[in-house]
Amino acid sequence: MVEALGHNVPRVFMLVFGGGAALAGLAGVIGGNTYVTEPAMAASVGSIIFVVVVVGGMGSLAGAFLASLLIGIVQTFAVALDHSPVTLLRSMGINIEQGEFGYPLLSLTISQVAPILPYLFPWC
């Protein structure tokens, strides 16, 4: 249909492919400086990219952009928080000692669980 309007379809395909390859090269330059480039790179980055796509919506570029910002901000600020459920319970007057059931889980700080926080977003 586009060819009937007078456009050169093979040239358009070539330009779109060239633009995509240029964007992929730019992403490689930016990502290569940020992450360690190794053969197993997909195992370390692939799961967080999957979460960004799920949270942002499949096929939504703006949604993926906003989801990546949200996940990055939450993960960055969570590293700075040094609170745990034990400190919250102690501030409410409930004292949990080290030998009680569930203490190892309740004593984990937010900064210790920050790497797994993005994986909780798809359930929200």
C-alpha atoms as a PDB file:
ATOM      1  CA  MET A   1       0.000   0.000   0.000  1.00  0.00           C
ATOM      2  CA  VAL A   2       2.849   2.362   0.807  1.00  0.00           C
ATOM      3  CA  GLU A   3       4.565   1.382  -2.409  1.00  0.00           C
ATOM      4  CA  ALA A   4       1.421   2.352  -4.299  1.00  0.00           C
ATOM      5  CA  LEU A   5       1.748   5.827  -2.775  1.00  0.00           C
ATOM      6  CA  GLY A   6       5.195   6.168  -4.329  1.00  0.00           C
ATOM      7  CA  HIS A   7       7.514   5.294  -1.430  1.00  0.00           C
ATOM      8  CA  ASN A   8      10.546   3.100  -1.892  1.00  0.00           C
ATOM      9  CA  VAL A   9       9.749   0.226   0.524  1.00  0.00           C
ATOM     10  CA  PRO A  10      13.211  -1.446   0.512  1.00  0.00           C
ATOM     11  CA  ARG A  11      14.789   1.939   1.297  1.00  0.00           C
ATOM     12  CA  VAL A  12      12.368   2.502   4.197  1.00  0.00           C
ATOM     13  CA  PHE A  13      13.178  -0.978   5.570  1.00  0.00           C
ATOM     14  CA  MET A  14      16.886  -0.219   5.278  1.00  0.00           C
ATOM     15  CA  LEU A  15      16.549   3.133   7.090  1.00  0.00           C
ATOM     16  CA  VAL A  16      14.449   1.641   9.892  1.00  0.00           C
ATOM     17  CA  PHE A  17      16.922  -1.210  10.342  1.00  0.00           C
ATOM     18  CA  GLY A  18      19.831   1.258  10.337  1.00  0.00           C
ATOM     19  CA  GLY A  19      18.101   3.443  12.943  1.00  0.00           C
ATOM     20  CA  GLY A  20      17.418   0.437  15.146  1.00  0.00           C
ATOM     21  CA  ALA A  21      21.010  -0.741  14.842  1.00  0.00           C
ATOM     22  CA  ALA A  22      22.243   2.751  15.752  1.00  0.00           C
ATOM     23  CA  LEU A  23      20.015   2.826  18.847  1.00  0.00           C
ATOM     24  CA  ALA A  24      21.217  -0.646  19.848  1.00  0.00           C
ATOM     25  CA  GLY A  25      24.816   0.510  19.450  1.00  0.00           C
ATOM     26  CA  LEU A  26      24.133   3.593  21.575  1.00  0.00           C
ATOM     27  CA  ALA A  27      22.536   1.409  24.260  1.00  0.00           C
ATOM     28  CA  GLY A  28      25.624  -0.824  24.181  1.00  0.00           C
ATOM     29  CA  VAL A  29      27.926   2.152  24.638  1.00  0.00           C
ATOM     30  CA  ILE A  30      25.907   3.464  27.582  1.00  0.00           C
ATOM     31  CA  GLY A  31      25.341   0.039  29.144  1.00  0.00           C
ATOM     32  CA  GLY A  32      28.937  -1.057  28.615  1.00  0.00           C
ATOM     33  CA  ASN A  33      30.164   1.759  30.816  1.00  0.00           C
ATOM     34  CA  THR A  34      27.565   1.076  33.501  1.00  0.00           C
ATOM     35  CA  TYR A  35      27.726  -2.710  33.790  1.00  0.00           C
ATOM     36  CA  VAL A  36      30.535  -5.199  33.574  1.00  0.00           C
ATOM     37  CA  THR A  37      30.420  -6.637  30.075  1.00  0.00           C
ATOM     38  CA  GLU A  38      30.617 -10.407  30.267  1.00  0.00           C
ATOM     39  CA  PRO A  39      29.124 -13.437  28.521  1.00  0.00           C
ATOM     40  CA  ALA A  40      26.639 -14.032  31.370  1.00  0.00           C
ATOM     41  CA  MET A  41      25.369 -10.447  31.292  1.00  0.00           C
ATOM     42  CA  ALA A  42      21.831 -11.508  30.380  1.00  0.00           C
ATOM     43  CA  ALA A  43      21.488 -13.474  33.604  1.00  0.00           C
ATOM     44  CA  SER A  44      22.266 -10.438  35.759  1.00  0.00           C
ATOM     45  CA  VAL A  45      20.335  -7.769  33.834  1.00  0.00           C
ATOM     46  CA  GLY A  46      17.614  -9.798  32.109  1.00  0.00           C
ATOM     47  CA  SER A  47      15.396 -10.362  35.119  1.00  0.00           C
ATOM     48  CA  ILE A  48      15.219  -6.685  36.085  1.00  0.00           C
ATOM     49  CA  ILE A  49      14.465  -5.753  32.471  1.00  0.00           C
ATOM     50  CA  PHE A  50      11.617  -8.279  32.521  1.00  0.00           C
ATOM     51  CA  VAL A  51      10.215  -6.619  35.659  1.00  0.00           C
ATOM     52  CA  VAL A  52      10.416  -3.188  34.006  1.00  0.00           C
ATOM     53  CA  VAL A  53       8.472  -4.473  30.987  1.00  0.00           C
ATOM     54  CA  VAL A  54       5.836  -6.151  33.171  1.00  0.00           C
ATOM     55  CA  VAL A  55       5.345  -3.095  35.399  1.00  0.00           C
ATOM     56  CA  GLY A  56       5.439  -0.607  32.518  1.00  0.00           C
ATOM     57  CA  GLY A  57       3.150  -2.577  30.238  1.00  0.00           C
ATOM     58  CA  MET A  58       4.023  -4.659  27.219  1.00  0.00           C
ATOM     59  CA  GLY A  59       4.542  -2.477  24.168  1.00  0.00           C
ATOM     60  CA  SER A  60       4.352   0.822  26.042  1.00  0.00           C
ATOM     61  CA  LEU A  61       7.552   2.823  25.673  1.00  0.00           C
ATOM     62  CA  ALA A  62       6.397   5.559  28.057  1.00  0.00           C
ATOM     63  CA  GLY A  63       5.264   2.952  30.595  1.00  0.00           C
ATOM     64  CA  ALA A  64       8.608   1.167  30.442  1.00  0.00           C
ATOM     65  CA  PHE A  65      10.408   4.484  30.905  1.00  0.00           C
ATOM     66  CA  LEU A  66       8.309   5.416  33.934  1.00  0.00           C
ATOM     67  CA  ALA A  67       8.614   1.906  35.390  1.00  0.00           C
ATOM     68  CA  SER A  68      12.397   1.994  35.045  1.00  0.00           C
ATOM     69  CA  LEU A  69      12.513   5.362  36.813  1.00  0.00           C
ATOM     70  CA  LEU A  70      10.197   4.113  39.578  1.00  0.00           C
ATOM     71  CA  ILE A  71      12.178   0.921  40.123  1.00  0.00           C
ATOM     72  CA  GLY A  72      15.495   2.783  40.085  1.00  0.00           C
ATOM     73  CA  ILE A  73      14.322   5.396  42.580  1.00  0.00           C
ATOM     74  CA  VAL A  74      12.788   2.848  44.942  1.00  0.00           C
ATOM     75  CA  GLN A  75      15.861   0.634  44.856  1.00  0.00           C
ATOM     76  CA  THR A  76      18.245   3.568  45.335  1.00  0.00           C
ATOM     77  CA  PHE A  77      16.374   5.064  48.278  1.00  0.00           C
ATOM     78  CA  ALA A  78      15.799   1.670  49.878  1.00  0.00           C
ATOM     79  CA  VAL A  79      19.555   1.168  50.194  1.00  0.00           C
ATOM     80  CA  ALA A  80      19.732   4.235  52.449  1.00  0.00           C
ATOM     81  CA  LEU A  81      17.015   3.060  54.876  1.00  0.00           C
ATOM     82  CA  ASP A  82      18.318   1.228  57.918  1.00  0.00           C
ATOM     83  CA  HIS A  83      15.015   0.249  59.531  1.00  0.00           C
ATOM     84  CA  SER A  84      13.595  -3.209  60.119  1.00  0.00           C
ATOM     85  CA  PRO A  85      10.274  -4.603  61.332  1.00  0.00           C
ATOM     86  CA  VAL A  86      11.944  -5.239  64.706  1.00  0.00           C
ATOM     87  CA  THR A  87      12.637  -1.515  65.151  1.00  0.00           C
ATOM     88  CA  LEU A  88       9.046  -0.737  64.134  1.00  0.00           C
ATOM     89  CA  LEU A  89       7.664  -3.243  66.635  1.00  0.00           C
ATOM     90  CA  ARG A  90       9.958  -1.942  69.383  1.00  0.00           C
ATOM     91  CA  SER A  91       8.746   1.611  68.757  1.00  0.00           C
ATOM     92  CA  MET A  92       5.175   0.321  69.253  1.00  0.00           C
ATOM     93  CA  GLY A  93       6.151  -1.289  72.571  1.00  0.00           C
ATOM     94  CA  ILE A  94       6.414  -4.897  71.359  1.00  0.00           C
ATOM     95  CA  ASN A  95       9.777  -6.334  72.321  1.00  0.00           C
ATOM     96  CA  ILE A  96      11.091  -9.232  70.219  1.00  0.00           C
ATOM     97  CA  GLU A  97      14.250 -10.916  71.433  1.00  0.00           C
ATOM     98  CA  GLN A  98      16.874 -12.737  69.403  1.00  0.00           C
ATOM     99  CA  GLY A  99      15.802 -16.278  70.276  1.00  0.00           C
ATOM    100  CA  GLU A 100      12.138 -15.892  69.304  1.00  0.00           C
ATOM    101  CA  PHE A 101      10.523 -17.422  66.235  1.00  0.00           C
ATOM    102  CA  GLY A 102      10.857 -15.249  63.119  1.00  0.00           C
ATOM    103  CA  TYR A 103      13.516 -12.945  64.532  1.00  0.00           C
ATOM    104  CA  PRO A 104      16.047 -13.562  61.718  1.00  0.00           C
ATOM    105  CA  LEU A 105      13.452 -12.563  59.127  1.00  0.00           C
ATOM    106  CA  LEU A 106      12.098  -9.619  61.100  1.00  0.00           C
ATOM    107  CA  SER A 107      15.576  -8.274  61.796  1.00  0.00           C
ATOM    108  CA  LEU A 108      16.380  -7.781  58.096  1.00  0.00           C
ATOM    109  CA  THR A 109      16.697  -4.089  57.283  1.00  0.00           C
ATOM    110  CA  ILE A 110      15.191  -2.453  54.216  1.00  0.00           C
ATOM    111  CA  SER A 111      18.679  -1.863  52.840  1.00  0.00           C
ATOM    112  CA  GLN A 112      19.358  -5.605  53.015  1.00  0.00           C
ATOM    113  CA  VAL A 113      16.231  -6.490  51.018  1.00  0.00           C
ATOM    114  CA  ALA A 114      16.575  -3.579  48.543  1.00  0.00           C
ATOM    115  CA  PRO A 115      17.791  -5.798  45.664  1.00  0.00           C
ATOM    116  CA  ILE A 116      14.573  -7.860  45.738  1.00  0.00           C
ATOM    117  CA  LEU A 117      12.121  -4.940  46.085  1.00  0.00           C
ATOM    118  CA  PRO A 118      11.605  -4.490  42.305  1.00  0.00           C
ATOM    119  CA  TYR A 119      10.373  -8.069  42.044  1.00  0.00           C
ATOM    120  CA  LEU A 120       7.492  -7.218  44.393  1.00  0.00           C
ATOM    121  CA  PHE A 121       6.044  -4.554  42.029  1.00  0.00           C
ATOM    122  CA  PRO A 122       4.311  -6.951  39.591  1.00  0.00           C
ATOM    123  CA  TRP A 123       2.221  -8.271  42.492  1.00  0.00           C
ATOM    124  CA  CYS A 124       1.016  -4.792  43.477  1.00  0.00           C
END
